Amino acid sequence: MRDNKRGLFNLLKEYPNLPIMFFADTKDSRILDFATTVYEDFYCDVEEVYDLEEEGYFTDIDDVIEVLEDKFCDDEKYKDLSDEDFEKEIKKYINENIRHFGAIVINIF
């Protein structure tokens, strides 16, 4: 739902128990220490959120897989696996070890 205030209200009514996550584009050069930036545009939807702790939060599973493949590519446990099997193991690792949850995600920019 792009730029749709009514859409946001509908999501909040339909999914009252989901957490709300705000993703803000912070590549804005106007942001300084203790400064405020006003964002007018947003889009929102229910998405799966992955918490990679020091790497941050992600909503795209492919990004999560890429980060973890880079992290574990030299790990002895995975060295003899084919690319396909390595990706399967990474997906299994995500399901068993990475905190993930459904949330109403509001992307503001």
Protein backbone atom coordinates (compact mmCIF):
# COMPACT_ATOMS: atom_id res chain seq x y z
CA MET A 1 0.00 0.00 0.00
CA ARG A 2 1.78 3.11 -1.19
CA ASP A 3 1.15 6.52 0.41
CA ASN A 4 -2.18 5.36 1.72
CA LYS A 5 -3.21 6.56 5.15
CA ARG A 6 -6.46 4.61 4.90
CA GLY A 7 -4.42 1.50 4.04
CA LEU A 8 -2.37 1.94 7.21
CA PHE A 9 -5.51 2.28 9.32
CA ASN A 10 -6.93 -0.86 7.70
CA LEU A 11 -3.76 -2.82 8.51
CA LEU A 12 -3.88 -1.62 12.11
CA LYS A 13 -7.52 -2.76 12.41
CA GLU A 14 -6.93 -6.08 10.64
CA TYR A 15 -3.73 -6.96 12.56
CA PRO A 16 -4.07 -5.29 15.97
CA ASN A 17 -1.65 -7.69 17.67
CA LEU A 18 1.26 -7.31 15.25
CA PRO A 19 4.15 -5.07 16.25
CA ILE A 20 4.70 -1.92 14.20
CA MET A 21 8.16 -1.40 12.71
CA PHE A 22 9.30 1.85 11.13
CA PHE A 23 11.98 1.73 8.46
CA ALA A 24 13.33 5.17 7.60
CA ASP A 25 15.64 6.05 4.75
CA THR A 26 18.53 7.60 6.68
CA LYS A 27 20.85 8.27 3.75
CA ASP A 28 19.68 11.88 3.91
CA SER A 29 22.61 14.28 4.20
CA ARG A 30 20.37 16.70 6.12
CA ILE A 31 20.41 14.46 9.19
CA LEU A 32 22.79 15.82 11.81
CA ASP A 33 23.24 15.05 15.50
CA PHE A 34 20.07 15.99 17.37
CA ALA A 35 18.37 17.14 14.15
CA THR A 36 14.89 16.22 12.99
CA THR A 37 13.96 15.20 9.48
CA VAL A 38 10.37 15.29 8.33
CA TYR A 39 9.23 12.50 6.06
CA GLU A 40 6.01 12.88 4.09
CA ASP A 41 5.91 9.74 1.96
CA PHE A 42 5.41 6.21 3.19
CA TYR A 43 4.19 2.80 2.21
CA CYS A 44 3.19 -0.02 4.49
CA ASP A 45 2.38 -3.69 4.48
CA VAL A 46 2.54 -6.79 6.66
CA GLU A 47 5.99 -8.30 6.26
CA GLU A 48 8.31 -10.80 7.88
CA VAL A 49 11.08 -8.99 9.78
CA TYR A 50 14.46 -10.63 10.44
CA ASP A 51 16.62 -9.37 13.31
CA LEU A 52 20.29 -9.89 12.48
CA GLU A 53 21.36 -7.97 15.58
CA GLU A 54 24.60 -6.18 14.64
CA GLU A 55 23.67 -6.10 10.94
CA GLY A 56 20.22 -4.66 11.67
CA TYR A 57 16.70 -5.55 10.63
CA PHE A 58 15.75 -6.88 7.21
CA THR A 59 12.46 -7.60 5.45
CA ASP A 60 13.91 -9.29 2.37
CA ILE A 61 14.89 -12.92 2.97
CA ASP A 62 17.31 -12.78 0.03
CA ASP A 63 19.24 -10.01 1.79
CA VAL A 64 19.36 -12.09 4.97
CA ILE A 65 20.62 -15.12 3.02
CA GLU A 66 23.30 -13.00 1.34
CA VAL A 67 24.54 -11.54 4.65
CA LEU A 68 24.73 -14.99 6.26
CA GLU A 69 26.35 -16.64 3.24
CA ASP A 70 29.06 -13.97 3.39
CA LYS A 71 29.41 -14.51 7.13
CA PHE A 72 29.67 -18.33 6.93
CA CYS A 73 31.37 -18.84 3.56
CA ASP A 74 34.68 -19.80 5.19
CA ASP A 75 33.17 -21.89 7.98
CA GLU A 76 34.53 -25.45 8.02
CA LYS A 77 31.03 -26.81 8.58
CA TYR A 78 29.94 -25.66 5.12
CA LYS A 79 33.14 -25.91 3.06
CA ASP A 80 32.29 -29.13 1.18
CA LEU A 81 28.68 -28.22 0.33
CA SER A 82 27.42 -27.33 -3.12
CA ASP A 83 26.02 -23.82 -3.55
CA GLU A 84 22.50 -25.24 -3.45
CA ASP A 85 23.11 -27.22 -0.26
CA PHE A 86 24.89 -24.25 1.33
CA GLU A 87 21.82 -22.08 0.69
CA LYS A 88 19.56 -24.78 2.18
CA GLU A 89 21.73 -24.87 5.31
CA ILE A 90 21.61 -21.08 5.56
CA LYS A 91 17.81 -21.13 5.31
CA LYS A 92 17.70 -23.81 8.02
CA TYR A 93 20.02 -21.66 10.15
CA ILE A 94 17.70 -18.67 9.68
CA ASN A 95 14.64 -20.67 10.76
CA GLU A 96 16.37 -22.08 13.83
CA ASN A 97 18.59 -19.20 14.97
CA ILE A 98 17.45 -15.83 13.64
CA ARG A 99 14.63 -14.04 15.41
CA HIS A 100 11.93 -13.30 12.84
CA PHE A 101 8.34 -12.24 13.15
CA GLY A 102 5.44 -10.75 11.26
CA ALA A 103 4.96 -7.02 11.65
CA ILE A 104 3.23 -4.03 10.15
CA VAL A 105 6.17 -2.40 8.41
CA ILE A 106 5.99 1.29 7.60
CA ASN A 107 8.67 2.43 5.19
CA ILE A 108 9.09 6.19 5.34
CA PHE A 109 11.13 8.28 2.97
